[in-house]
Amino acid sequence: MNTNPQVNPYRSPQVNPFVGSGPQTASGPPRSPGRRTFSALLLLTLSASSMAATTLTAPGAAAAARQPSVTTPASPSAPASASVPASTPAIIWGACTADPPFPDPGPRAECGTVKVPLDWSQPKGPKIGIAVARHRATDPARRVGVLLSNPGGPGAPGLGDAMYADGPSGGYSPEMLRRFDMIGFDPRGIGRSHRAVCDENLLGSIPARPHDAAEFGRLRTLNGRLAESCLKETGPLAAHMDAESVARDMDAIRAALGESRISFIGHSYGTLIGERYARLFPGRLRALALDSALDPGRPGAERYLTEAAVTLDGALKRLAEWCAKDGTCALKGKDVVAVTDGLFARADAGTLRDPGPKGPTRTKVDADRLAGLLTFWVGKGALAESAKQLAALHSGKGQVQWIDTEGEPAHRLVLCRDYDFRIRDHAQYQAILQRVAQAAPHVRYNAQALDFVLGCQGWTMPPKPRPARSAGPLPPVLVVNATLDYATPLPGARRMAASFPEARLYTMDVVSHWLYREGKTGQVKRVVDDYLVNPGTGGRARTGA
């Protein structure tokens, strides 16, 4: 197993959502139970074909400026009618530069800044800068307009979507480059857009999996301290990094570009930003493509955890089906589901050990660590590698590539404002986990989803209400999703499609995430590109092979 990260400098990567720290692969003893292995939606772009985790930070993130000192207090949500001032100045474009070791983008890439209100309910208050990049259309005579994008996260930098739009790996097709100005941006508080700062030293003390009421209380207390440190270190911006505020920033970008309408493609967490923009500014959308879509209806912790776990359970069964047919499977001849059940039984009994070259080591593997292994390997559809690592655990001989994902706590500033995952106490938490395990008995829970939920317990900035829907016509919307996507499960994507007056849901029966790039055959990219060029007639197919 190659544990060296594979770097793709040509597009804002889907990596550990807490971009900047990327997933770390390591063999050997597990981390201290107090050390949070915080995962998020972007971690899922570990390609099933490459079997390696990407650790690329979008160019510019490392040089991100700190939030300037401002004293405006946190304010209520801006009304749905709030709009960009008519006097929004045009963007002053200049050359884009990347941070080493990433190459500078091509000559068609330009970078600039758009000033927006820190708090959209106070449009005349303090301003912050949003870093924007543009890759100009290569065929101006056939230019359709601008295509804004967001790579997900929560809170991933997005300048690279435009800076490297023409890159040989992960870029857009030549036809798309001919027809659109590609616009990427770093969302507020992220990357070069006044990056939020928190006290990351607190992370090591937060219980990763609270096993009793005392640990659950400590989790809530320390999460609260982390949130307060974000407010102290970042200032009022920390309370205004939600998807609605980012959507309003997008409309400021539209105005600064001098465009009456935009097209938008959102991936993973970016689909929620697209949904917010559609609610606020329906008449300003030409096309809306949502790839690997979140549930827009703000599910509570239990529904969120259940659907994510059931999807992962389905991915394990898909692995078992493959193993029963493929002679290269490391567990050939064995019932993969039964093997996994046996591993959990041994973990519960305290007899499961980390494998070694000559046999089991003395390092215990508990059920939580096993659940994490299933989430971050089986959930990605990495069939051969998943079977290999489960076989190593089963026999005690071999190597397991544990993935510990620890990220910037500032990204919780996004998630915990957009979703309401609050749990009353440890008793309710335990009851929820028991019901989730009953729904998905072979995996017990989805470790990524549980990281998200636990990260929001005790967060002192409460969830922000979903904005009201503004009046106005919407174009037909295209939603694409894998049938087994453990980051954005299919039921949520169905609810996303159902939330629009007219939407098409295109599915592929695969274990995958971010289908636009990881669609195996390029089929999804063709469907999405066709729709973006011709939103009234494109992307008509409803299901994929």
Protein backbone atom coordinates (compact mmCIF):
# COMPACT_ATOMS: atom_id res chain seq x y z
CA MET A 1 0.00 0.00 0.00
CA ASN A 2 1.43 3.35 -1.05
CA THR A 3 0.93 5.82 1.78
CA ASN A 4 2.50 8.79 0.01
CA PRO A 5 -0.11 11.47 -0.66
CA GLN A 6 -1.01 12.01 -4.29
CA VAL A 7 -1.11 15.72 -5.10
CA ASN A 8 -3.35 17.18 -7.76
CA PRO A 9 -2.37 20.83 -8.18
CA TYR A 10 -4.87 21.44 -10.93
CA ARG A 11 -8.11 21.83 -9.05
CA SER A 12 -9.25 22.67 -5.56
CA PRO A 13 -9.11 19.14 -4.24
CA GLN A 14 -11.64 17.21 -2.30
CA VAL A 15 -9.58 16.35 0.73
CA ASN A 16 -10.10 16.34 4.42
CA PRO A 17 -12.69 19.05 4.80
CA PHE A 18 -10.46 20.79 7.20
CA VAL A 19 -8.34 21.74 4.25
CA GLY A 20 -4.83 22.53 5.20
CA SER A 21 -4.22 19.41 7.24
CA GLY A 22 -5.46 16.66 4.92
CA PRO A 23 -5.98 13.08 6.01
CA GLN A 24 -2.93 11.38 7.42
CA THR A 25 -2.34 7.73 6.79
CA ALA A 26 -0.42 5.87 9.42
CA SER A 27 0.13 2.39 10.63
CA GLY A 28 0.85 1.52 14.21
CA PRO A 29 -0.76 2.42 17.51
CA PRO A 30 -3.99 4.37 17.48
CA ARG A 31 -4.01 7.91 18.73
CA SER A 32 -4.96 8.86 22.22
CA PRO A 33 -8.72 8.54 22.80
CA GLY A 34 -8.78 12.25 23.58
CA ARG A 35 -7.45 13.17 20.17
CA ARG A 36 -10.26 14.00 17.79
CA THR A 37 -10.09 12.32 14.41
CA PHE A 38 -12.22 15.01 12.84
CA SER A 39 -13.38 14.13 9.35
CA ALA A 40 -15.63 15.90 6.92
CA LEU A 41 -17.18 15.78 3.51
CA LEU A 42 -14.10 16.55 1.49
CA LEU A 43 -12.14 13.63 2.89
CA LEU A 44 -14.27 11.45 0.68
CA THR A 45 -12.46 12.25 -2.49
CA LEU A 46 -9.93 9.63 -1.77
CA SER A 47 -10.12 7.92 -5.13
CA ALA A 48 -11.05 4.27 -5.15
CA SER A 49 -8.68 3.81 -8.04
CA SER A 50 -5.66 5.56 -6.51
CA MET A 51 -6.21 4.16 -3.00
CA ALA A 52 -4.40 7.15 -1.53
CA ALA A 53 -5.58 10.23 0.31
CA THR A 54 -5.06 13.63 -1.25
CA THR A 55 -3.46 16.25 0.95
CA LEU A 56 -3.33 19.25 -1.37
CA THR A 57 -4.40 22.58 0.02
CA ALA A 58 -5.76 24.90 -2.64
CA PRO A 59 -3.06 27.34 -3.77
CA GLY A 60 -3.02 30.37 -1.56
CA ALA A 61 -4.48 28.82 1.56
CA ALA A 62 -1.15 28.67 3.31
CA ALA A 63 -0.65 32.38 2.78
CA ALA A 64 -4.14 33.33 3.88
CA ALA A 65 -4.46 36.62 5.65
CA ARG A 66 -5.75 36.79 9.19
CA GLN A 67 -9.06 38.45 9.87
CA PRO A 68 -8.58 42.18 10.55
CA SER A 69 -9.72 43.56 13.87
CA VAL A 70 -13.36 44.67 13.83
CA THR A 71 -15.71 45.37 16.69
CA THR A 72 -19.13 44.85 15.19
CA PRO A 73 -21.07 42.37 17.37
CA ALA A 74 -22.72 39.30 15.93
CA SER A 75 -26.12 40.18 14.49
CA PRO A 76 -29.31 38.37 13.48
CA SER A 77 -29.67 36.82 10.07
CA ALA A 78 -30.09 39.28 7.23
CA PRO A 79 -33.59 39.35 5.74
CA ALA A 80 -34.16 37.35 2.59
CA SER A 81 -34.72 40.57 0.70
CA ALA A 82 -31.22 41.89 1.47
CA SER A 83 -29.36 42.48 -1.77
CA VAL A 84 -26.04 43.65 -3.09
CA PRO A 85 -25.68 47.43 -3.27
CA ALA A 86 -26.04 48.73 -6.81
CA SER A 87 -22.68 50.46 -6.44
CA THR A 88 -20.69 47.25 -6.02
CA PRO A 89 -17.37 48.11 -7.70
CA ALA A 90 -15.97 46.03 -10.51
CA ILE A 91 -13.17 43.61 -9.70
CA ILE A 92 -9.66 44.84 -10.39
CA TRP A 93 -7.99 41.82 -11.92
CA GLY A 94 -4.32 40.94 -11.64
CA ALA A 95 -2.04 37.95 -12.03
CA CYS A 96 -2.64 34.88 -9.88
CA THR A 97 0.23 33.47 -7.89
CA ALA A 98 0.39 30.11 -6.15
CA ASP A 99 2.22 29.08 -3.03
CA PRO A 100 5.14 26.69 -3.56
CA PRO A 101 5.33 23.89 -4.46
CA PHE A 102 2.24 24.46 -6.58
CA PRO A 103 2.80 25.86 -10.09
CA ASP A 104 1.50 29.25 -11.08
CA PRO A 105 -1.65 29.00 -13.19
CA GLY A 106 -1.83 29.68 -16.91
CA PRO A 107 -2.10 33.11 -18.53
CA ARG A 108 -5.90 33.06 -18.73
CA ALA A 109 -6.23 32.99 -14.94
CA GLU A 110 -6.77 36.26 -13.10
CA CYS A 111 -7.26 37.06 -9.43
CA GLY A 112 -8.93 39.87 -7.51
CA THR A 113 -10.96 40.78 -4.45
CA VAL A 114 -14.61 41.67 -3.81
CA LYS A 115 -15.50 43.64 -0.69
CA VAL A 116 -18.63 42.46 1.12
CA PRO A 117 -20.29 43.29 4.44
CA LEU A 118 -18.99 41.23 7.32
CA ASP A 119 -22.60 41.00 8.53
CA TRP A 120 -25.15 41.08 5.72
CA SER A 121 -27.83 42.43 8.06
CA GLN A 122 -25.64 45.54 8.37
CA PRO A 123 -24.68 46.29 4.75
CA LYS A 124 -23.04 49.59 5.68
CA GLY A 125 -20.98 48.04 8.46
CA PRO A 126 -17.39 46.71 8.35
CA LYS A 127 -16.27 45.00 5.15
CA ILE A 128 -14.17 41.93 4.45
CA GLY A 129 -12.49 40.84 1.24
CA ILE A 130 -13.49 37.73 -0.73
CA ALA A 131 -10.67 36.34 -2.88
CA VAL A 132 -11.89 35.59 -6.41
CA ALA A 133 -10.24 33.95 -9.43
CA ARG A 134 -11.34 33.86 -13.06
CA HIS A 135 -10.35 31.71 -16.02
CA ARG A 136 -11.62 33.57 -19.08
CA ALA A 137 -13.58 31.73 -21.78
CA THR A 138 -11.30 30.63 -24.59
CA ASP A 139 -13.92 31.31 -27.28
CA PRO A 140 -15.42 34.73 -26.48
CA ALA A 141 -17.73 34.61 -29.51
CA ARG A 142 -19.48 31.51 -28.10
CA ARG A 143 -19.29 32.53 -24.46
CA VAL A 144 -22.40 31.57 -22.45
CA GLY A 145 -21.59 33.51 -19.29
CA VAL A 146 -19.92 32.83 -15.93
CA LEU A 147 -19.84 29.56 -14.02
CA LEU A 148 -19.26 29.94 -10.29
CA SER A 149 -18.24 26.87 -8.32
CA ASN A 150 -17.72 25.72 -4.78
CA PRO A 151 -15.74 22.55 -3.98
CA GLY A 152 -17.43 21.76 -0.69
CA GLY A 153 -15.91 21.40 2.71
CA PRO A 154 -17.50 22.64 4.85
CA GLY A 155 -15.28 25.61 4.20
CA ALA A 156 -12.89 24.44 1.48
CA PRO A 157 -10.94 27.06 -0.48
CA GLY A 158 -12.12 27.36 -4.08
CA LEU A 159 -9.74 29.67 -5.95
CA GLY A 160 -8.13 26.64 -7.57
CA ASP A 161 -11.35 25.76 -9.39
CA ALA A 162 -10.65 28.72 -11.66
CA MET A 163 -6.88 29.08 -11.32
CA TYR A 164 -6.39 25.52 -12.59
CA ALA A 165 -9.56 25.14 -14.62
CA ASP A 166 -7.49 24.03 -17.62
CA GLY A 167 -5.32 21.60 -15.67
CA PRO A 168 -4.65 18.15 -17.13
CA SER A 169 -6.04 16.39 -14.05
CA GLY A 170 -9.37 17.42 -12.58
CA GLY A 171 -9.93 20.46 -14.78
CA TYR A 172 -12.89 21.26 -16.99
CA SER A 173 -13.44 19.94 -20.50
CA PRO A 174 -12.26 22.04 -23.46
CA GLU A 175 -15.88 22.73 -24.43
CA MET A 176 -16.68 24.10 -20.98
CA LEU A 177 -13.57 26.25 -21.07
CA ARG A 178 -14.63 27.64 -24.43
CA ARG A 179 -18.13 28.52 -23.25
CA PHE A 180 -17.71 29.88 -19.71
CA ASP A 181 -15.65 32.21 -17.63
CA MET A 182 -14.80 29.91 -14.70
CA ILE A 183 -15.10 31.72 -11.38
CA GLY A 184 -13.66 30.31 -8.16
CA PHE A 185 -13.52 31.93 -4.74
CA ASP A 186 -12.39 31.25 -1.21
CA PRO A 187 -15.47 31.47 1.05
CA ARG A 188 -15.40 33.97 3.89
CA GLY A 189 -13.13 32.93 6.71
CA ILE A 190 -11.29 30.45 4.46
CA GLY A 191 -8.00 30.59 2.60
CA ARG A 192 -7.22 34.05 1.29
CA SER A 193 -10.62 35.42 2.31
CA HIS A 194 -9.63 36.51 5.83
CA ARG A 195 -9.00 33.09 7.24
CA ALA A 196 -10.59 32.34 10.59
CA VAL A 197 -8.31 31.45 13.49
CA CYS A 198 -9.11 29.32 16.57
CA ASP A 199 -7.12 27.80 19.43
CA GLU A 200 -6.24 24.43 17.95
CA ASN A 201 -4.42 23.43 21.14
CA LEU A 202 -7.82 22.57 22.59
CA LEU A 203 -8.35 19.76 20.09
CA GLY A 204 -6.12 17.30 21.89
CA SER A 205 -8.26 17.44 25.02
CA ILE A 206 -11.68 16.93 23.42
CA PRO A 207 -12.97 13.35 23.83
CA ALA A 208 -13.25 11.76 20.40
CA ARG A 209 -15.98 9.32 21.50
CA PRO A 210 -17.60 10.15 24.87
CA HIS A 211 -18.37 6.88 26.68
CA ASP A 212 -20.10 8.27 29.76
CA ALA A 213 -21.90 11.37 30.99
CA ALA A 214 -18.70 12.92 32.34
CA GLU A 215 -16.92 12.63 28.98
CA PHE A 216 -19.97 13.94 27.13
CA GLY A 217 -20.03 16.94 29.46
CA ARG A 218 -16.33 17.51 28.90
CA LEU A 219 -16.87 17.32 25.15
CA ARG A 220 -19.55 20.02 25.31
CA THR A 221 -17.47 22.25 27.59
CA LEU A 222 -14.34 22.07 25.46
CA ASN A 223 -16.26 22.54 22.20
CA GLY A 224 -17.72 25.67 23.77
CA ARG A 225 -14.25 26.91 24.67
CA LEU A 226 -13.10 26.20 21.13
CA ALA A 227 -15.99 28.25 19.73
CA GLU A 228 -15.19 31.12 22.07
CA SER A 229 -11.54 30.99 21.04
CA CYS A 230 -12.65 31.36 17.41
CA LEU A 231 -14.62 34.48 18.31
CA LYS A 232 -11.69 35.86 20.29
CA GLU A 233 -9.02 35.14 17.68
CA THR A 234 -11.07 35.85 14.55
CA GLY A 235 -13.52 38.49 15.69
CA PRO A 236 -17.16 38.87 14.62
CA LEU A 237 -16.53 37.10 11.31
CA ALA A 238 -16.56 33.82 13.24
CA ALA A 239 -20.33 34.19 13.72
CA HIS A 240 -20.99 34.83 10.02
CA MET A 241 -19.44 31.93 8.08
CA ASP A 242 -22.72 30.11 7.34
CA ALA A 243 -23.91 29.05 3.88
CA GLU A 244 -26.43 31.86 3.64
CA SER A 245 -23.72 34.50 4.13
CA VAL A 246 -21.55 32.77 1.52
CA ALA A 247 -24.50 32.75 -0.91
CA ARG A 248 -24.91 36.49 -0.41
CA ASP A 249 -21.18 36.91 -1.07
CA MET A 250 -21.69 35.01 -4.32
CA ASP A 251 -24.27 37.56 -5.38
CA ALA A 252 -21.79 40.34 -4.63
CA ILE A 253 -19.34 38.53 -6.91
CA ARG A 254 -22.04 38.36 -9.60
CA ALA A 255 -22.65 42.11 -9.31
CA ALA A 256 -18.93 42.89 -9.36
CA LEU A 257 -18.60 40.83 -12.54
CA GLY A 258 -21.36 42.90 -14.14
CA GLU A 259 -23.50 39.81 -14.78
CA SER A 260 -27.29 39.73 -14.49
CA ARG A 261 -27.30 35.94 -13.97
CA ILE A 262 -24.85 33.21 -13.06
CA SER A 263 -24.55 29.48 -13.51
CA PHE A 264 -23.34 27.53 -10.50
CA ILE A 265 -21.93 24.08 -9.82
CA GLY A 266 -21.60 22.98 -6.22
CA HIS A 267 -19.92 19.81 -5.04
CA SER A 268 -20.67 18.14 -1.70
CA TYR A 269 -21.08 20.91 0.92
CA GLY A 270 -21.13 23.35 -1.99
CA THR A 271 -24.58 22.02 -2.89
CA LEU A 272 -25.97 23.62 0.28
CA ILE A 273 -24.50 26.96 -0.78
CA GLY A 274 -26.16 26.56 -4.17
CA GLU A 275 -29.49 25.76 -2.52
CA ARG A 276 -29.19 28.86 -0.34
CA TYR A 277 -28.46 31.02 -3.38
CA ALA A 278 -31.51 29.61 -5.14
CA ARG A 279 -33.70 30.46 -2.12
CA LEU A 280 -32.38 34.00 -1.91
CA PHE A 281 -31.85 34.98 -5.56
CA PRO A 282 -33.86 32.64 -7.82
CA GLY A 283 -34.10 35.12 -10.70
CA ARG A 284 -30.34 35.49 -10.86
CA LEU A 285 -29.66 31.84 -11.65
CA ARG A 286 -29.25 30.65 -15.21
CA ALA A 287 -28.39 27.05 -14.24
CA LEU A 288 -27.81 25.17 -10.99
CA ALA A 289 -25.94 21.84 -10.91
CA LEU A 290 -25.59 20.11 -7.53
CA ASP A 291 -23.14 17.22 -7.38
CA SER A 292 -23.31 14.88 -4.36
CA ALA A 293 -26.04 16.77 -2.60
CA LEU A 294 -26.69 17.40 1.07
CA ASP A 295 -30.10 17.25 2.67
CA PRO A 296 -31.32 20.88 2.62
CA GLY A 297 -34.00 20.27 5.27
CA ARG A 298 -31.66 20.42 8.25
CA PRO A 299 -32.03 16.86 9.54
CA GLY A 300 -31.53 16.29 13.23
CA ALA A 301 -28.64 14.24 14.56
CA GLU A 302 -30.49 10.91 14.51
CA ARG A 303 -31.72 11.04 10.92
CA TYR A 304 -28.36 12.30 9.74
CA LEU A 305 -26.47 9.54 11.54
CA THR A 306 -28.92 6.83 10.51
CA GLU A 307 -28.90 7.56 6.79
CA ALA A 308 -25.10 7.85 6.74
CA ALA A 309 -24.70 4.53 8.59
CA VAL A 310 -27.23 2.67 6.45
CA THR A 311 -25.39 3.86 3.34
CA LEU A 312 -22.08 2.62 4.75
CA ASP A 313 -23.73 -0.70 5.60
CA GLY A 314 -24.77 -0.94 1.97
CA ALA A 315 -21.21 -0.25 0.85
CA LEU A 316 -19.97 -3.13 3.02
CA LYS A 317 -22.50 -5.45 1.41
CA ARG A 318 -21.35 -4.24 -2.02
CA LEU A 319 -17.80 -5.18 -1.00
CA ALA A 320 -19.03 -8.63 0.02
CA GLU A 321 -20.73 -9.09 -3.37
CA TRP A 322 -17.54 -8.14 -5.19
CA CYS A 323 -15.41 -10.40 -3.02
CA ALA A 324 -17.66 -13.37 -3.72
CA LYS A 325 -17.04 -12.97 -7.47
CA ASP A 326 -13.48 -11.65 -7.78
CA GLY A 327 -10.60 -14.05 -7.31
CA THR A 328 -8.21 -11.24 -6.35
CA CYS A 329 -10.12 -10.43 -3.17
CA ALA A 330 -7.96 -10.93 -0.07
CA LEU A 331 -11.02 -12.45 1.65
CA LYS A 332 -11.96 -14.72 -1.23
CA GLY A 333 -14.03 -17.64 -0.01
CA LYS A 334 -15.08 -15.87 3.16
CA ASP A 335 -18.29 -14.02 4.02
CA VAL A 336 -17.05 -10.44 4.31
CA VAL A 337 -20.04 -9.34 6.36
CA ALA A 338 -19.56 -12.24 8.78
CA VAL A 339 -15.83 -11.45 9.02
CA THR A 340 -16.67 -7.85 9.90
CA ASP A 341 -19.19 -8.93 12.52
CA GLY A 342 -16.51 -11.15 14.00
CA LEU A 343 -14.04 -8.29 14.13
CA PHE A 344 -16.52 -6.17 16.07
CA ALA A 345 -17.13 -9.05 18.49
CA ARG A 346 -13.39 -9.35 19.11
CA ALA A 347 -13.07 -5.57 19.52
CA ASP A 348 -15.87 -5.61 22.10
CA ALA A 349 -14.14 -8.44 23.95
CA GLY A 350 -10.80 -6.61 23.92
CA THR A 351 -9.06 -9.31 21.89
CA LEU A 352 -8.71 -7.57 18.50
CA ARG A 353 -5.12 -6.47 17.86
CA ASP A 354 -3.42 -4.33 15.27
CA PRO A 355 -1.79 -6.75 12.80
CA GLY A 356 1.94 -6.88 12.19
CA PRO A 357 4.34 -8.43 9.65
CA LYS A 358 4.61 -11.66 11.64
CA GLY A 359 1.32 -11.67 13.53
CA PRO A 360 -0.82 -9.62 15.89
CA THR A 361 0.87 -6.82 17.82
CA ARG A 362 0.06 -5.91 21.41
CA THR A 363 -1.91 -2.81 20.34
CA LYS A 364 -5.63 -3.20 20.90
CA VAL A 365 -8.14 -2.11 18.28
CA ASP A 366 -11.46 -1.01 19.76
CA ALA A 367 -14.85 -0.89 18.06
CA ASP A 368 -14.63 2.86 17.44
CA ARG A 369 -11.36 2.48 15.56
CA LEU A 370 -12.82 -0.37 13.54
CA ALA A 371 -15.83 1.77 12.64
CA GLY A 372 -13.45 4.46 11.41
CA LEU A 373 -11.59 1.97 9.23
CA LEU A 374 -14.84 0.84 7.61
CA THR A 375 -15.94 4.42 7.05
CA PHE A 376 -12.83 5.72 5.39
CA TRP A 377 -11.98 2.68 3.25
CA VAL A 378 -15.14 0.70 2.57
CA GLY A 379 -17.17 3.89 2.30
CA LYS A 380 -14.97 5.11 -0.54
CA GLY A 381 -15.51 2.02 -2.61
CA ALA A 382 -11.86 0.97 -2.34
CA LEU A 383 -12.73 -2.68 -2.86
CA ALA A 384 -9.37 -4.44 -3.09
CA GLU A 385 -7.71 -2.34 -0.40
CA SER A 386 -10.66 -2.61 1.96
CA ALA A 387 -10.62 -6.40 1.66
CA LYS A 388 -6.86 -6.48 2.16
CA GLN A 389 -7.03 -4.48 5.38
CA LEU A 390 -9.99 -6.40 6.78
CA ALA A 391 -8.12 -9.63 5.98
CA ALA A 392 -5.07 -8.33 7.88
CA LEU A 393 -7.20 -7.59 10.93
CA HIS A 394 -8.93 -10.95 10.63
CA SER A 395 -5.70 -12.97 10.41
CA GLY A 396 -3.54 -10.70 12.54
CA LYS A 397 -0.85 -10.60 9.86
CA GLY A 398 -0.29 -7.66 7.52
CA GLN A 399 -0.75 -3.92 7.75
CA VAL A 400 -3.69 -1.61 8.25
CA GLN A 401 -3.57 1.95 6.98
CA TRP A 402 -5.39 3.87 9.69
CA ILE A 403 -6.65 7.26 8.56
CA ASP A 404 -6.66 9.90 11.26
CA THR A 405 -8.17 13.16 10.07
CA GLU A 406 -7.65 16.16 12.21
CA GLY A 407 -8.63 19.51 10.79
CA GLU A 408 -8.87 23.18 11.40
CA PRO A 409 -11.60 23.82 13.99
CA ALA A 410 -12.68 26.92 12.07
CA HIS A 411 -14.60 24.68 9.70
CA ARG A 412 -17.04 23.91 12.50
CA LEU A 413 -17.90 27.58 12.26
CA VAL A 414 -19.66 26.67 9.02
CA LEU A 415 -21.25 23.32 9.84
CA CYS A 416 -22.59 24.09 13.30
CA ARG A 417 -24.33 27.22 12.03
CA ASP A 418 -25.98 25.49 9.07
CA TYR A 419 -27.15 22.29 10.78
CA ASP A 420 -28.81 21.61 14.11
CA PHE A 421 -27.16 18.48 15.51
CA ARG A 422 -27.67 19.35 19.17
CA ILE A 423 -28.20 16.39 21.53
CA ARG A 424 -29.66 16.93 24.99
CA ASP A 425 -27.35 14.75 27.07
CA HIS A 426 -25.34 11.54 27.14
CA ALA A 427 -28.42 9.38 27.70
CA GLN A 428 -30.01 10.68 24.51
CA TYR A 429 -26.70 10.29 22.69
CA GLN A 430 -26.44 6.63 23.71
CA ALA A 431 -30.05 5.95 22.76
CA ILE A 432 -29.47 7.47 19.31
CA LEU A 433 -26.33 5.38 18.76
CA GLN A 434 -28.19 2.22 19.72
CA ARG A 435 -30.96 2.90 17.20
CA VAL A 436 -28.40 3.76 14.52
CA ALA A 437 -26.59 0.47 15.17
CA GLN A 438 -29.87 -1.41 14.84
CA ALA A 439 -30.43 0.20 11.43
CA ALA A 440 -26.86 -0.55 10.29
CA PRO A 441 -25.77 -3.57 12.37
CA HIS A 442 -22.67 -4.51 10.39
CA VAL A 443 -20.92 -1.11 10.59
CA ARG A 444 -22.64 0.33 13.72
CA TYR A 445 -22.16 3.94 12.67
CA ASN A 446 -20.57 6.21 10.10
CA ALA A 447 -17.48 7.70 11.75
CA GLN A 448 -17.45 10.81 9.58
CA ALA A 449 -21.07 11.64 10.34
CA LEU A 450 -20.49 11.07 14.06
CA ASP A 451 -17.45 13.36 13.99
CA PHE A 452 -19.66 16.08 12.53
CA VAL A 453 -22.40 15.60 15.11
CA LEU A 454 -20.05 15.49 18.08
CA GLY A 455 -18.14 18.52 16.85
CA CYS A 456 -21.27 20.65 17.22
CA GLN A 457 -22.16 19.61 20.78
CA GLY A 458 -21.74 22.60 23.09
CA TRP A 459 -20.99 24.99 20.21
CA THR A 460 -21.87 28.43 21.55
CA MET A 461 -22.97 29.95 18.23
CA PRO A 462 -26.42 28.40 17.67
CA PRO A 463 -27.70 27.09 14.32
CA LYS A 464 -28.92 29.81 12.00
CA PRO A 465 -32.50 29.54 10.64
CA ARG A 466 -32.88 28.49 7.03
CA PRO A 467 -33.65 31.62 4.99
CA ALA A 468 -37.13 32.14 3.60
CA ARG A 469 -37.62 31.46 -0.10
CA SER A 470 -37.72 34.62 -2.20
CA ALA A 471 -40.18 34.97 -5.04
CA GLY A 472 -38.93 34.53 -8.56
CA PRO A 473 -38.51 31.96 -11.33
CA LEU A 474 -35.93 29.21 -11.03
CA PRO A 475 -34.34 27.35 -13.92
CA PRO A 476 -34.59 23.55 -14.03
CA VAL A 477 -32.10 22.17 -11.52
CA LEU A 478 -29.84 19.14 -11.97
CA VAL A 479 -28.88 17.00 -8.95
CA VAL A 480 -26.44 14.09 -9.33
CA ASN A 481 -25.61 11.52 -6.67
CA ALA A 482 -24.21 8.03 -6.18
CA THR A 483 -26.61 5.45 -4.81
CA LEU A 484 -24.06 4.64 -2.08
CA ASP A 485 -22.48 7.91 -1.01
CA TYR A 486 -21.73 7.84 2.69
CA ALA A 487 -20.97 11.59 2.84
CA THR A 488 -24.13 12.70 1.04
CA PRO A 489 -26.54 9.75 1.21
CA LEU A 490 -29.09 9.34 -1.56
CA PRO A 491 -32.15 10.12 0.63
CA GLY A 492 -30.75 13.60 1.24
CA ALA A 493 -30.09 14.11 -2.47
CA ARG A 494 -33.68 13.12 -3.18
CA ARG A 495 -34.87 15.73 -0.69
CA MET A 496 -32.60 18.28 -2.34
CA ALA A 497 -34.16 17.57 -5.75
CA ALA A 498 -37.67 17.65 -4.27
CA SER A 499 -37.04 21.07 -2.75
CA PHE A 500 -37.10 22.72 -6.19
CA PRO A 501 -40.16 23.30 -8.39
CA GLU A 502 -38.43 21.53 -11.27
CA ALA A 503 -35.39 19.31 -10.79
CA ARG A 504 -33.86 16.22 -12.34
CA LEU A 505 -32.07 13.65 -10.22
CA TYR A 506 -29.36 11.67 -12.00
CA THR A 507 -27.95 8.71 -10.07
CA MET A 508 -25.13 6.26 -10.59
CA ASP A 509 -25.24 2.87 -8.88
CA VAL A 510 -21.74 3.13 -7.41
CA VAL A 511 -19.98 3.65 -4.08
CA SER A 512 -18.53 7.10 -4.62
CA HIS A 513 -18.61 10.82 -3.87
CA TRP A 514 -18.14 13.95 -6.00
CA LEU A 515 -19.34 12.23 -9.16
CA TYR A 516 -18.32 15.09 -11.45
CA ARG A 517 -14.70 14.09 -10.93
CA GLU A 518 -14.99 10.55 -9.60
CA GLY A 519 -17.72 9.27 -11.93
CA LYS A 520 -15.55 6.40 -13.16
CA THR A 521 -16.52 6.70 -16.82
CA GLY A 522 -16.83 10.43 -17.33
CA GLN A 523 -20.54 9.84 -17.79
CA VAL A 524 -21.62 12.21 -15.04
CA LYS A 525 -19.31 14.97 -16.25
CA ARG A 526 -20.87 14.75 -19.71
CA VAL A 527 -24.39 14.90 -18.27
CA VAL A 528 -23.55 17.90 -16.06
CA ASP A 529 -21.68 19.75 -18.81
CA ASP A 530 -24.55 19.21 -21.23
CA TYR A 531 -26.97 20.62 -18.68
CA LEU A 532 -24.82 23.66 -17.89
CA VAL A 533 -24.54 24.58 -21.56
CA ASN A 534 -28.24 23.88 -22.23
CA PRO A 535 -30.12 23.95 -18.89
CA GLY A 536 -33.54 23.73 -20.53
CA THR A 537 -32.82 20.49 -22.40
CA GLY A 538 -29.49 19.12 -21.16
CA GLY A 539 -28.96 16.38 -18.59
CA ARG A 540 -32.27 14.68 -19.28
CA ALA A 541 -31.13 11.18 -18.30
CA ARG A 542 -32.30 10.21 -14.82
CA THR A 543 -30.07 7.28 -13.96
CA GLY A 544 -26.61 6.12 -14.83
CA ALA A 545 -25.05 2.70 -15.24
